[in-house]
PDB file of N, CA and C in Angstrom:
ATOM      1  N   UNK A   1      29.809  29.098 -54.480  1.00  0.00           N
ATOM      2  CA  UNK A   1      31.434  29.594 -54.524  1.00  0.00           C
ATOM      3  C   UNK A   1      33.151  29.639 -55.145  1.00  0.00           C
ATOM      4  N   UNK A   2      32.870  30.024 -56.043  1.00  0.00           N
ATOM      5  CA  UNK A   2      34.181  30.121 -57.054  1.00  0.00           C
ATOM      6  C   UNK A   2      34.530  31.340 -56.039  1.00  0.00           C
ATOM      7  N   UNK A   3      35.835  29.615 -55.303  1.00  0.00           N
ATOM      8  CA  UNK A   3      37.239  30.294 -54.804  1.00  0.00           C
ATOM      9  C   UNK A   3      38.547  31.465 -55.486  1.00  0.00           C
ATOM     10  N   UNK A   4      38.926  32.248 -55.340  1.00  0.00           N
ATOM     11  CA  UNK A   4      40.507  32.691 -56.326  1.00  0.00           C
ATOM     12  C   UNK A   4      39.930  33.207 -56.709  1.00  0.00           C
ATOM     13  N   UNK A   5      38.853  33.628 -57.149  1.00  0.00           N
ATOM     14  CA  UNK A   5      38.195  34.720 -58.835  1.00  0.00           C
ATOM     15  C   UNK A   5      39.071  36.163 -59.227  1.00  0.00           C
ATOM     16  N   UNK A   6      39.333  36.764 -58.644  1.00  0.00           N
ATOM     17  CA  UNK A   6      40.524  38.041 -58.294  1.00  0.00           C
ATOM     18  C   UNK A   6      42.068  37.912 -58.724  1.00  0.00           C
ATOM     19  N   UNK A   7      42.193  38.786 -59.026  1.00  0.00           N
ATOM     20  CA  UNK A   7      43.937  38.547 -59.481  1.00  0.00           C
ATOM     21  C   UNK A   7      44.820  39.793 -58.434  1.00  0.00           C
ATOM     22  N   UNK A   8      44.381  39.775 -57.093  1.00  0.00           N
ATOM     23  CA  UNK A   8      44.819  40.439 -56.346  1.00  0.00           C
ATOM     24  C   UNK A   8      44.406  40.488 -54.875  1.00  0.00           C
ATOM     25  N   UNK A   9      44.514  39.785 -54.089  1.00  0.00           N
ATOM     26  CA  UNK A   9      44.636  38.862 -52.926  1.00  0.00           C
ATOM     27  C   UNK A   9      43.964  40.209 -51.770  1.00  0.00           C
ATOM     28  N   UNK A  10      43.826  41.625 -52.431  1.00  0.00           N
ATOM     29  CA  UNK A  10      43.512  43.058 -51.514  1.00  0.00           C
ATOM     30  C   UNK A  10      41.975  43.293 -52.007  1.00  0.00           C
ATOM     31  N   UNK A  11      41.944  41.972 -52.790  1.00  0.00           N
ATOM     32  CA  UNK A  11      39.947  42.833 -53.286  1.00  0.00           C
ATOM     33  C   UNK A  11      38.942  41.922 -53.268  1.00  0.00           C
ATOM     34  N   UNK A  12      38.270  43.498 -52.294  1.00  0.00           N
ATOM     35  CA  UNK A  12      37.047  42.919 -51.746  1.00  0.00           C
ATOM     36  C   UNK A  12      35.662  43.699 -52.489  1.00  0.00           C
ATOM     37  N   UNK A  13      34.564  42.560 -52.191  1.00  0.00           N
ATOM     38  CA  UNK A  13      33.447  42.977 -52.406  1.00  0.00           C
ATOM     39  C   UNK A  13      32.373  42.610 -51.634  1.00  0.00           C
ATOM     40  N   UNK A  14      32.195  44.363 -51.680  1.00  0.00           N
ATOM     41  CA  UNK A  14      30.681  44.516 -50.648  1.00  0.00           C
ATOM     42  C   UNK A  14      29.730  44.153 -52.222  1.00  0.00           C
ATOM     43  N   UNK A  15      28.695  43.667 -50.308  1.00  0.00           N
ATOM     44  CA  UNK A  15      27.501  43.158 -50.520  1.00  0.00           C
ATOM     45  C   UNK A  15      26.303  43.613 -49.624  1.00  0.00           C
ATOM     46  N   UNK A  16      25.228  43.721 -49.929  1.00  0.00           N
ATOM     47  CA  UNK A  16      23.997  44.465 -49.436  1.00  0.00           C
ATOM     48  C   UNK A  16      22.798  43.796 -48.287  1.00  0.00           C
ATOM     49  N   UNK A  17      22.538  43.520 -47.798  1.00  0.00           N
ATOM     50  CA  UNK A  17      21.045  42.174 -47.173  1.00  0.00           C
ATOM     51  C   UNK A  17      19.854  43.438 -47.360  1.00  0.00           C
ATOM     52  N   UNK A  18      19.357  42.989 -47.925  1.00  0.00           N
ATOM     53  CA  UNK A  18      17.220  44.021 -48.418  1.00  0.00           C
ATOM     54  C   UNK A  18      16.290  43.143 -47.963  1.00  0.00           C
ATOM     55  N   UNK A  19      15.798  43.132 -47.002  1.00  0.00           N
ATOM     56  CA  UNK A  19      14.356  43.060 -46.688  1.00  0.00           C
ATOM     57  C   UNK A  19      13.616  43.301 -45.638  1.00  0.00           C
ATOM     58  N   UNK A  20      12.464  42.716 -45.709  1.00  0.00           N
ATOM     59  CA  UNK A  20      11.879  42.884 -44.709  1.00  0.00           C
ATOM     60  C   UNK A  20      11.536  42.943 -43.188  1.00  0.00           C
ATOM     61  N   UNK A  21      12.726  41.229 -42.913  1.00  0.00           N
ATOM     62  CA  UNK A  21      12.722  40.892 -42.251  1.00  0.00           C
ATOM     63  C   UNK A  21      14.144  41.089 -41.447  1.00  0.00           C
ATOM     64  N   UNK A  22      14.552  41.134 -40.552  1.00  0.00           N
ATOM     65  CA  UNK A  22      15.277  41.394 -40.006  1.00  0.00           C
ATOM     66  C   UNK A  22      16.393  39.818 -39.785  1.00  0.00           C
ATOM     67  N   UNK A  23      17.918  39.477 -40.258  1.00  0.00           N
ATOM     68  CA  UNK A  23      19.208  39.102 -40.267  1.00  0.00           C
ATOM     69  C   UNK A  23      19.347  38.268 -39.454  1.00  0.00           C
ATOM     70  N   UNK A  24      19.398  37.654 -38.942  1.00  0.00           N
ATOM     71  CA  UNK A  24      20.629  37.140 -37.926  1.00  0.00           C
ATOM     72  C   UNK A  24      21.079  36.459 -38.516  1.00  0.00           C
ATOM     73  N   UNK A  25      22.647  37.320 -37.532  1.00  0.00           N
ATOM     74  CA  UNK A  25      23.572  36.959 -37.562  1.00  0.00           C
ATOM     75  C   UNK A  25      24.390  36.399 -36.664  1.00  0.00           C
ATOM     76  N   UNK A  26      25.187  35.102 -36.287  1.00  0.00           N
ATOM     77  CA  UNK A  26      25.826  34.594 -35.493  1.00  0.00           C
ATOM     78  C   UNK A  26      26.879  35.035 -34.441  1.00  0.00           C
ATOM     79  N   UNK A  27      26.690  36.086 -35.177  1.00  0.00           N
ATOM     80  CA  UNK A  27      28.481  37.852 -34.381  1.00  0.00           C
ATOM     81  C   UNK A  27      27.795  38.666 -34.184  1.00  0.00           C
ATOM     82  N   UNK A  28      29.187  39.093 -33.905  1.00  0.00           N
ATOM     83  CA  UNK A  28      29.182  40.527 -33.432  1.00  0.00           C
ATOM     84  C   UNK A  28      29.304  41.731 -34.853  1.00  0.00           C
ATOM     85  N   UNK A  29      29.013  41.999 -35.214  1.00  0.00           N
ATOM     86  CA  UNK A  29      29.389  43.167 -36.373  1.00  0.00           C
ATOM     87  C   UNK A  29      31.371  43.740 -35.712  1.00  0.00           C
ATOM     88  N   UNK A  30      31.525  43.783 -37.596  1.00  0.00           N
ATOM     89  CA  UNK A  30      32.911  43.999 -37.072  1.00  0.00           C
ATOM     90  C   UNK A  30      32.802  45.159 -36.693  1.00  0.00           C
ATOM     91  N   UNK A  31      32.369  46.507 -37.124  1.00  0.00           N
ATOM     92  CA  UNK A  31      32.039  47.756 -36.702  1.00  0.00           C
ATOM     93  C   UNK A  31      30.756  47.940 -37.667  1.00  0.00           C
ATOM     94  N   UNK A  32      30.238  49.513 -36.895  1.00  0.00           N
ATOM     95  CA  UNK A  32      28.767  50.231 -37.678  1.00  0.00           C
ATOM     96  C   UNK A  32      29.810  50.901 -38.121  1.00  0.00           C
ATOM     97  N   UNK A  33      28.530  51.107 -39.416  1.00  0.00           N
ATOM     98  CA  UNK A  33      29.010  52.364 -40.401  1.00  0.00           C
ATOM     99  C   UNK A  33      27.324  53.113 -40.278  1.00  0.00           C
ATOM    100  N   UNK A  34      27.139  54.516 -41.012  1.00  0.00           N
ATOM    101  CA  UNK A  34      26.481  55.456 -41.561  1.00  0.00           C
ATOM    102  C   UNK A  34      26.894  55.922 -42.231  1.00  0.00           C
ATOM    103  N   UNK A  35      25.655  56.341 -43.281  1.00  0.00           N
ATOM    104  CA  UNK A  35      25.762  56.721 -44.702  1.00  0.00           C
ATOM    105  C   UNK A  35      25.236  57.823 -44.409  1.00  0.00           C
ATOM    106  N   UNK A  36      25.598  58.908 -44.797  1.00  0.00           N
ATOM    107  CA  UNK A  36      25.431  60.299 -45.019  1.00  0.00           C
ATOM    108  C   UNK A  36      25.252  61.303 -46.435  1.00  0.00           C
ATOM    109  N   UNK A  37      24.155  61.444 -46.761  1.00  0.00           N
ATOM    110  CA  UNK A  37      24.906  63.235 -47.834  1.00  0.00           C
ATOM    111  C   UNK A  37      24.502  64.480 -47.706  1.00  0.00           C
ATOM    112  N   UNK A  38      25.512  64.413 -47.696  1.00  0.00           N
ATOM    113  CA  UNK A  38      26.458  66.255 -47.439  1.00  0.00           C
ATOM    114  C   UNK A  38      25.808  66.616 -49.255  1.00  0.00           C
ATOM    115  N   UNK A  39      25.306  67.726 -48.691  1.00  0.00           N
ATOM    116  CA  UNK A  39      24.924  69.532 -49.927  1.00  0.00           C
ATOM    117  C   UNK A  39      25.715  70.028 -49.281  1.00  0.00           C
ATOM    118  N   UNK A  40      27.052  71.565 -50.395  1.00  0.00           N
ATOM    119  CA  UNK A  40      27.409  72.037 -49.610  1.00  0.00           C
ATOM    120  C   UNK A  40      26.035  73.590 -50.031  1.00  0.00           C
ATOM    121  N   UNK A  41      26.327  74.563 -49.427  1.00  0.00           N
ATOM    122  CA  UNK A  41      25.930  75.678 -49.383  1.00  0.00           C
ATOM    123  C   UNK A  41      25.788  75.636 -51.833  1.00  0.00           C
ATOM    124  N   UNK A  42      26.985  76.772 -51.598  1.00  0.00           N
ATOM    125  CA  UNK A  42      27.463  76.735 -52.807  1.00  0.00           C
ATOM    126  C   UNK A  42      29.345  76.568 -52.919  1.00  0.00           C
ATOM    127  N   UNK A  43      29.530  76.996 -53.928  1.00  0.00           N
ATOM    128  CA  UNK A  43      31.683  76.272 -54.985  1.00  0.00           C
ATOM    129  C   UNK A  43      31.690  76.922 -54.186  1.00  0.00           C
ATOM    130  N   UNK A  44      31.826  77.219 -53.223  1.00  0.00           N
ATOM    131  CA  UNK A  44      33.349  78.176 -52.226  1.00  0.00           C
ATOM    132  C   UNK A  44      34.589  77.454 -52.109  1.00  0.00           C
ATOM    133  N   UNK A  45      35.415  77.854 -52.232  1.00  0.00           N
ATOM    134  CA  UNK A  45      37.041  77.222 -52.086  1.00  0.00           C
ATOM    135  C   UNK A  45      36.520  76.863 -50.221  1.00  0.00           C
ATOM    136  N   UNK A  46      37.547  76.017 -50.168  1.00  0.00           N
ATOM    137  CA  UNK A  46      37.728  75.526 -48.897  1.00  0.00           C
ATOM    138  C   UNK A  46      36.519  74.623 -47.814  1.00  0.00           C
ATOM    139  N   UNK A  47      35.142  75.026 -48.692  1.00  0.00           N
ATOM    140  CA  UNK A  47      34.059  74.482 -47.624  1.00  0.00           C
ATOM    141  C   UNK A  47      34.366  72.819 -47.666  1.00  0.00           C
ATOM    142  N   UNK A  48      35.191  71.803 -49.098  1.00  0.00           N
ATOM    143  CA  UNK A  48      34.520  70.221 -48.828  1.00  0.00           C
ATOM    144  C   UNK A  48      35.881  70.330 -48.192  1.00  0.00           C
ATOM    145  N   UNK A  49      36.334  70.804 -47.584  1.00  0.00           N
ATOM    146  CA  UNK A  49      36.891  71.297 -46.489  1.00  0.00           C
ATOM    147  C   UNK A  49      36.901  71.266 -44.951  1.00  0.00           C
ATOM    148  N   UNK A  50      36.520  71.865 -44.623  1.00  0.00           N
ATOM    149  CA  UNK A  50      35.513  72.267 -43.142  1.00  0.00           C
ATOM    150  C   UNK A  50      35.279  71.043 -43.181  1.00  0.00           C
ATOM    151  N   UNK A  51      33.854  70.757 -44.304  1.00  0.00           N
ATOM    152  CA  UNK A  51      32.657  69.251 -43.659  1.00  0.00           C
ATOM    153  C   UNK A  51      33.705  68.356 -43.849  1.00  0.00           C
ATOM    154  N   UNK A  52      34.950  68.029 -44.403  1.00  0.00           N
ATOM    155  CA  UNK A  52      35.842  67.097 -43.943  1.00  0.00           C
ATOM    156  C   UNK A  52      36.266  67.436 -42.585  1.00  0.00           C
ATOM    157  N   UNK A  53      37.081  68.444 -42.281  1.00  0.00           N
ATOM    158  CA  UNK A  53      37.412  68.811 -40.992  1.00  0.00           C
ATOM    159  C   UNK A  53      36.840  68.073 -39.589  1.00  0.00           C
ATOM    160  N   UNK A  54      35.230  68.427 -39.811  1.00  0.00           N
ATOM    161  CA  UNK A  54      34.872  68.675 -38.945  1.00  0.00           C
ATOM    162  C   UNK A  54      34.569  66.852 -38.487  1.00  0.00           C
ATOM    163  N   UNK A  55      34.327  65.728 -39.496  1.00  0.00           N
ATOM    164  CA  UNK A  55      35.382  64.599 -39.185  1.00  0.00           C
ATOM    165  C   UNK A  55      36.477  64.288 -38.820  1.00  0.00           C
ATOM    166  N   UNK A  56      37.861  64.896 -38.551  1.00  0.00           N
ATOM    167  CA  UNK A  56      38.613  64.881 -38.201  1.00  0.00           C
ATOM    168  C   UNK A  56      39.900  64.835 -37.495  1.00  0.00           C
ATOM    169  N   UNK A  57      39.447  66.141 -37.383  1.00  0.00           N
ATOM    170  CA  UNK A  57      39.477  66.389 -35.253  1.00  0.00           C
ATOM    171  C   UNK A  57      39.331  65.677 -34.272  1.00  0.00           C
ATOM    172  N   UNK A  58      37.484  65.381 -34.418  1.00  0.00           N
ATOM    173  CA  UNK A  58      36.881  63.676 -33.981  1.00  0.00           C
ATOM    174  C   UNK A  58      37.753  63.085 -34.262  1.00  0.00           C
ATOM    175  N   UNK A  59      38.341  62.724 -35.450  1.00  0.00           N
ATOM    176  CA  UNK A  59      38.880  61.300 -34.445  1.00  0.00           C
ATOM    177  C   UNK A  59      37.879  59.875 -36.273  1.00  0.00           C
ATOM    178  N   UNK A  60      37.052  60.569 -37.069  1.00  0.00           N
ATOM    179  CA  UNK A  60      35.576  60.187 -37.255  1.00  0.00           C
ATOM    180  C   UNK A  60      36.455  59.744 -38.457  1.00  0.00           C
ATOM    181  N   UNK A  61      36.537  58.092 -39.155  1.00  0.00           N
ATOM    182  CA  UNK A  61      36.918  57.354 -40.151  1.00  0.00           C
ATOM    183  C   UNK A  61      35.840  57.107 -40.727  1.00  0.00           C
ATOM    184  N   UNK A  62      36.625  57.835 -42.325  1.00  0.00           N
ATOM    185  CA  UNK A  62      35.674  57.892 -43.172  1.00  0.00           C
ATOM    186  C   UNK A  62      36.258  57.287 -44.052  1.00  0.00           C
ATOM    187  N   UNK A  63      35.225  56.175 -44.423  1.00  0.00           N
ATOM    188  CA  UNK A  63      35.716  55.058 -45.561  1.00  0.00           C
ATOM    189  C   UNK A  63      35.313  55.113 -46.844  1.00  0.00           C
ATOM    190  N   UNK A  64      34.344  56.176 -47.619  1.00  0.00           N
ATOM    191  CA  UNK A  64      33.618  56.116 -48.584  1.00  0.00           C
ATOM    192  C   UNK A  64      33.441  57.878 -48.528  1.00  0.00           C
ATOM    193  N   UNK A  65      33.428  58.094 -49.501  1.00  0.00           N
ATOM    194  CA  UNK A  65      33.796  60.205 -49.769  1.00  0.00           C
ATOM    195  C   UNK A  65      33.183  59.655 -51.270  1.00  0.00           C
ATOM    196  N   UNK A  66      32.609  60.124 -51.679  1.00  0.00           N
ATOM    197  CA  UNK A  66      31.855  60.028 -52.799  1.00  0.00           C
ATOM    198  C   UNK A  66      31.175  61.669 -53.759  1.00  0.00           C
ATOM    199  N   UNK A  67      31.683  61.989 -54.833  1.00  0.00           N
ATOM    200  CA  UNK A  67      31.089  63.479 -55.328  1.00  0.00           C
ATOM    201  C   UNK A  67      30.248  62.966 -56.340  1.00  0.00           C
ATOM    202  N   UNK A  68      28.335  63.561 -56.792  1.00  0.00           N
ATOM    203  CA  UNK A  68      28.036  63.375 -57.256  1.00  0.00           C
ATOM    204  C   UNK A  68      27.799  65.056 -58.217  1.00  0.00           C
ATOM    205  N   UNK A  69      27.131  65.815 -59.765  1.00  0.00           N
ATOM    206  CA  UNK A  69      26.285  66.981 -59.489  1.00  0.00           C
ATOM    207  C   UNK A  69      25.292  66.466 -58.996  1.00  0.00           C
ATOM    208  N   UNK A  70      24.863  68.144 -58.673  1.00  0.00           N
ATOM    209  CA  UNK A  70      24.088  68.069 -58.044  1.00  0.00           C
ATOM    210  C   UNK A  70      22.656  68.331 -59.370  1.00  0.00           C
ATOM    211  N   UNK A  71      23.636  68.456 -60.197  1.00  0.00           N
ATOM    212  CA  UNK A  71      22.716  68.852 -61.835  1.00  0.00           C
ATOM    213  C   UNK A  71      21.850  70.224 -61.550  1.00  0.00           C
ATOM    214  N   UNK A  72      22.198  71.396 -60.692  1.00  0.00           N
ATOM    215  CA  UNK A  72      21.305  72.035 -60.795  1.00  0.00           C
ATOM    216  C   UNK A  72      22.429  73.932 -61.641  1.00  0.00           C
ATOM    217  N   UNK A  73      23.606  73.010 -61.403  1.00  0.00           N
ATOM    218  CA  UNK A  73      24.376  74.179 -62.027  1.00  0.00           C
ATOM    219  C   UNK A  73      26.514  73.503 -61.745  1.00  0.00           C
ATOM    220  N   UNK A  74      26.248  74.390 -62.710  1.00  0.00           N
ATOM    221  CA  UNK A  74      28.000  73.730 -63.265  1.00  0.00           C
ATOM    222  C   UNK A  74      29.097  74.063 -61.556  1.00  0.00           C
ATOM    223  N   UNK A  75      29.721  72.601 -61.092  1.00  0.00           N
ATOM    224  CA  UNK A  75      30.518  72.885 -59.508  1.00  0.00           C
ATOM    225  C   UNK A  75      29.811  73.007 -58.714  1.00  0.00           C
ATOM    226  N   UNK A  76      28.062  72.693 -58.500  1.00  0.00           N
ATOM    227  CA  UNK A  76      27.702  72.215 -57.337  1.00  0.00           C
ATOM    228  C   UNK A  76      26.594  70.394 -56.898  1.00  0.00           C
ATOM    229  N   UNK A  77      27.579  70.589 -55.942  1.00  0.00           N
ATOM    230  CA  UNK A  77      27.559  68.462 -56.046  1.00  0.00           C
ATOM    231  C   UNK A  77      27.579  68.213 -54.769  1.00  0.00           C
ATOM    232  N   UNK A  78      26.812  67.106 -54.557  1.00  0.00           N
ATOM    233  CA  UNK A  78      26.483  66.166 -53.181  1.00  0.00           C
ATOM    234  C   UNK A  78      27.705  65.358 -53.109  1.00  0.00           C
ATOM    235  N   UNK A  79      27.730  64.962 -51.440  1.00  0.00           N
ATOM    236  CA  UNK A  79      28.828  63.712 -51.610  1.00  0.00           C
ATOM    237  C   UNK A  79      27.754  62.829 -50.961  1.00  0.00           C
ATOM    238  N   UNK A  80      28.804  61.311 -50.727  1.00  0.00           N
ATOM    239  CA  UNK A  80      28.374  60.435 -50.414  1.00  0.00           C
ATOM    240  C   UNK A  80      28.964  60.445 -49.189  1.00  0.00           C
ATOM    241  N   UNK A  81      29.588  60.112 -47.949  1.00  0.00           N
ATOM    242  CA  UNK A  81      29.807  60.159 -47.188  1.00  0.00           C
ATOM    243  C   UNK A  81      29.789  58.628 -46.487  1.00  0.00           C
ATOM    244  N   UNK A  82      30.512  57.733 -46.043  1.00  0.00           N
ATOM    245  CA  UNK A  82      30.361  56.373 -45.105  1.00  0.00           C
ATOM    246  C   UNK A  82      31.601  56.455 -43.416  1.00  0.00           C
ATOM    247  N   UNK A  83      30.747  57.220 -42.509  1.00  0.00           N
ATOM    248  CA  UNK A  83      31.437  56.944 -41.363  1.00  0.00           C
ATOM    249  C   UNK A  83      31.574  55.647 -39.964  1.00  0.00           C
ATOM    250  N   UNK A  84      32.860  55.222 -39.873  1.00  0.00           N
ATOM    251  CA  UNK A  84      33.018  54.073 -38.963  1.00  0.00           C
ATOM    252  C   UNK A  84      31.889  54.715 -37.970  1.00  0.00           C
ATOM    253  N   UNK A  85      31.151  54.805 -37.758  1.00  0.00           N
ATOM    254  CA  UNK A  85      30.316  55.105 -36.494  1.00  0.00           C
ATOM    255  C   UNK A  85      28.823  54.814 -35.981  1.00  0.00           C
ATOM    256  N   UNK A  86      28.160  54.550 -35.168  1.00  0.00           N
ATOM    257  CA  UNK A  86      26.895  54.208 -35.143  1.00  0.00           C
ATOM    258  C   UNK A  86      26.112  56.059 -35.227  1.00  0.00           C
ATOM    259  N   UNK A  87      24.971  56.208 -35.937  1.00  0.00           N
ATOM    260  CA  UNK A  87      24.515  57.358 -36.095  1.00  0.00           C
ATOM    261  C   UNK A  87      23.870  58.486 -34.695  1.00  0.00           C
ATOM    262  N   UNK A  88      23.276  57.516 -34.008  1.00  0.00           N
ATOM    263  CA  UNK A  88      23.282  58.119 -32.390  1.00  0.00           C
ATOM    264  C   UNK A  88      24.868  58.762 -31.323  1.00  0.00           C
ATOM    265  N   UNK A  89      25.544  58.128 -31.951  1.00  0.00           N
ATOM    266  CA  UNK A  89      26.807  58.356 -30.897  1.00  0.00           C
ATOM    267  C   UNK A  89      27.153  59.840 -31.131  1.00  0.00           C
ATOM    268  N   UNK A  90      27.674  60.649 -29.749  1.00  0.00           N
ATOM    269  CA  UNK A  90      28.041  62.395 -29.357  1.00  0.00           C
ATOM    270  C   UNK A  90      28.797  62.642 -30.674  1.00  0.00           C
ATOM    271  N   UNK A  91      29.734  62.215 -30.616  1.00  0.00           N
ATOM    272  CA  UNK A  91      31.358  62.721 -31.835  1.00  0.00           C
ATOM    273  C   UNK A  91      30.039  62.486 -32.951  1.00  0.00           C
ATOM    274  N   UNK A  92      29.353  61.241 -33.773  1.00  0.00           N
ATOM    275  CA  UNK A  92      28.810  61.933 -35.043  1.00  0.00           C
ATOM    276  C   UNK A  92      27.839  62.969 -34.928  1.00  0.00           C
ATOM    277  N   UNK A  93      26.370  62.565 -34.022  1.00  0.00           N
ATOM    278  CA  UNK A  93      25.788  63.989 -34.197  1.00  0.00           C
ATOM    279  C   UNK A  93      26.263  65.343 -34.607  1.00  0.00           C
ATOM    280  N   UNK A  94      27.750  65.032 -32.838  1.00  0.00           N
ATOM    281  CA  UNK A  94      28.599  67.217 -33.297  1.00  0.00           C
ATOM    282  C   UNK A  94      28.917  67.425 -34.365  1.00  0.00           C
ATOM    283  N   UNK A  95      29.679  65.556 -35.192  1.00  0.00           N
ATOM    284  CA  UNK A  95      30.174  66.973 -36.325  1.00  0.00           C
ATOM    285  C   UNK A  95      28.904  66.894 -37.241  1.00  0.00           C
ATOM    286  N   UNK A  96      27.736  65.612 -37.288  1.00  0.00           N
ATOM    287  CA  UNK A  96      26.853  67.229 -38.190  1.00  0.00           C
ATOM    288  C   UNK A  96      26.472  67.544 -38.239  1.00  0.00           C
ATOM    289  N   UNK A  97      25.843  67.861 -36.467  1.00  0.00           N
ATOM    290  CA  UNK A  97      25.621  69.990 -36.426  1.00  0.00           C
ATOM    291  C   UNK A  97      26.672  70.462 -36.390  1.00  0.00           C
ATOM    292  N   UNK A  98      27.615  70.947 -36.342  1.00  0.00           N
ATOM    293  CA  UNK A  98      29.231  71.468 -37.250  1.00  0.00           C
ATOM    294  C   UNK A  98      28.960  71.769 -38.732  1.00  0.00           C
ATOM    295  N   UNK A  99      28.216  70.791 -39.149  1.00  0.00           N
ATOM    296  CA  UNK A  99      28.345  70.548 -41.078  1.00  0.00           C
ATOM    297  C   UNK A  99      27.040  71.694 -41.209  1.00  0.00           C
ATOM    298  N   UNK A 100      25.800  70.673 -40.694  1.00  0.00           N
ATOM    299  CA  UNK A 100      24.433  72.271 -40.305  1.00  0.00           C
ATOM    300  C   UNK A 100      25.102  73.465 -40.042  1.00  0.00           C
ATOM    301  N   UNK A 101      25.993  73.507 -39.088  1.00  0.00           N
ATOM    302  CA  UNK A 101      26.028  75.075 -38.682  1.00  0.00           C
ATOM    303  C   UNK A 101      26.708  76.449 -40.268  1.00  0.00           C
ATOM    304  N   UNK A 102      27.749  75.064 -41.502  1.00  0.00           N
ATOM    305  CA  UNK A 102      28.101  75.818 -42.154  1.00  0.00           C
ATOM    306  C   UNK A 102      27.283  76.155 -43.527  1.00  0.00           C
ATOM    307  N   UNK A 103      25.903  75.869 -43.255  1.00  0.00           N
ATOM    308  CA  UNK A 103      24.870  76.027 -44.687  1.00  0.00           C
ATOM    309  C   UNK A 103      24.618  74.985 -45.254  1.00  0.00           C
ATOM    310  N   UNK A 104      24.833  73.416 -44.415  1.00  0.00           N
ATOM    311  CA  UNK A 104      24.686  72.157 -45.755  1.00  0.00           C
ATOM    312  C   UNK A 104      23.998  72.047 -45.368  1.00  0.00           C
ATOM    313  N   UNK A 105      23.225  71.272 -46.311  1.00  0.00           N
ATOM    314  CA  UNK A 105      21.845  69.723 -45.851  1.00  0.00           C
ATOM    315  C   UNK A 105      22.361  68.414 -45.554  1.00  0.00           C
ATOM    316  N   UNK A 106      22.719  67.489 -44.664  1.00  0.00           N
ATOM    317  CA  UNK A 106      22.593  66.644 -44.530  1.00  0.00           C
ATOM    318  C   UNK A 106      21.365  65.555 -43.752  1.00  0.00           C
ATOM    319  N   UNK A 107      21.855  64.362 -44.791  1.00  0.00           N
ATOM    320  CA  UNK A 107      20.777  63.613 -44.753  1.00  0.00           C
ATOM    321  C   UNK A 107      21.073  62.747 -43.764  1.00  0.00           C
ATOM    322  N   UNK A 108      21.244  61.339 -43.105  1.00  0.00           N
ATOM    323  CA  UNK A 108      21.771  60.717 -42.955  1.00  0.00           C
ATOM    324  C   UNK A 108      20.796  59.515 -43.763  1.00  0.00           C
ATOM    325  N   UNK A 109      21.574  58.631 -44.139  1.00  0.00           N
ATOM    326  CA  UNK A 109      21.419  57.953 -45.626  1.00  0.00           C
ATOM    327  C   UNK A 109      20.662  56.291 -44.410  1.00  0.00           C
ATOM    328  N   UNK A 110      21.338  55.651 -43.768  1.00  0.00           N
ATOM    329  CA  UNK A 110      21.175  54.547 -42.764  1.00  0.00           C
ATOM    330  C   UNK A 110      22.518  54.057 -42.103  1.00  0.00           C
ATOM    331  N   UNK A 111      22.200  54.117 -40.862  1.00  0.00           N
ATOM    332  CA  UNK A 111      23.941  53.285 -40.127  1.00  0.00           C
ATOM    333  C   UNK A 111      22.744  52.120 -40.035  1.00  0.00           C
ATOM    334  N   UNK A 112      24.023  50.338 -40.620  1.00  0.00           N
ATOM    335  CA  UNK A 112      24.013  49.298 -40.479  1.00  0.00           C
ATOM    336  C   UNK A 112      25.213  48.805 -39.680  1.00  0.00           C
ATOM    337  N   UNK A 113      25.187  47.606 -39.191  1.00  0.00           N
ATOM    338  CA  UNK A 113      26.489  46.959 -38.826  1.00  0.00           C
ATOM    339  C   UNK A 113      26.847  46.098 -40.317  1.00  0.00           C
ATOM    340  N   UNK A 114      28.467  45.967 -40.000  1.00  0.00           N
ATOM    341  CA  UNK A 114      28.870  45.035 -41.128  1.00  0.00           C
ATOM    342  C   UNK A 114      30.355  44.368 -40.734  1.00  0.00           C
ATOM    343  N   UNK A 115      30.148  43.124 -41.525  1.00  0.00           N
ATOM    344  CA  UNK A 115      30.724  42.137 -41.647  1.00  0.00           C
ATOM    345  C   UNK A 115      31.854  41.574 -42.382  1.00  0.00           C
ATOM    346  N   UNK A 116      32.853  41.390 -41.823  1.00  0.00           N
ATOM    347  CA  UNK A 116      33.809  41.447 -42.823  1.00  0.00           C
ATOM    348  C   UNK A 116      33.996  40.145 -42.606  1.00  0.00           C
ATOM    349  N   UNK A 117      34.006  39.769 -43.679  1.00  0.00           N
ATOM    350  CA  UNK A 117      33.745  37.909 -44.367  1.00  0.00           C
ATOM    351  C   UNK A 117      35.222  36.945 -43.755  1.00  0.00           C
ATOM    352  N   UNK A 118      35.598  36.023 -43.075  1.00  0.00           N
ATOM    353  CA  UNK A 118      36.415  35.671 -41.934  1.00  0.00           C
ATOM    354  C   UNK A 118      37.605  34.811 -43.331  1.00  0.00           C
ATOM    355  N   UNK A 119      39.048  35.060 -42.239  1.00  0.00           N
ATOM    356  CA  UNK A 119      39.979  35.079 -43.286  1.00  0.00           C
ATOM    357  C   UNK A 119      40.242  33.320 -43.005  1.00  0.00           C
ATOM    358  N   UNK A 120      40.357  32.856 -43.796  1.00  0.00           N
ATOM    359  CA  UNK A 120      41.068  31.412 -43.736  1.00  0.00           C
ATOM    360  C   UNK A 120      42.618  30.891 -42.909  1.00  0.00           C
TER     361      UNK A 120
END
């Protein structure tokens, strides 16, 4: 692999390993992430703020927030959210419960270990 191909030292590329057999990595993950898909019930002022507040006051770190149109009507979006937490943690479970209580749909896309390429 070529080294130093980027024009910025803080540029990272994400890679995902997918397969039928588990991959044995000889070290502990740097952290675990859980990916969620959240759909708001309607386009209402403050709706996204309420969803994000469920994570914020529990001090859950979000590493990705990406919106996509639902294509159902103008102003209707769903959100991909990556959280640095395991799917079965008490804090994340409570946050998802609070978001569902706001009449949002929450779908867990997966929980997975994350590794950072070691610095040289």
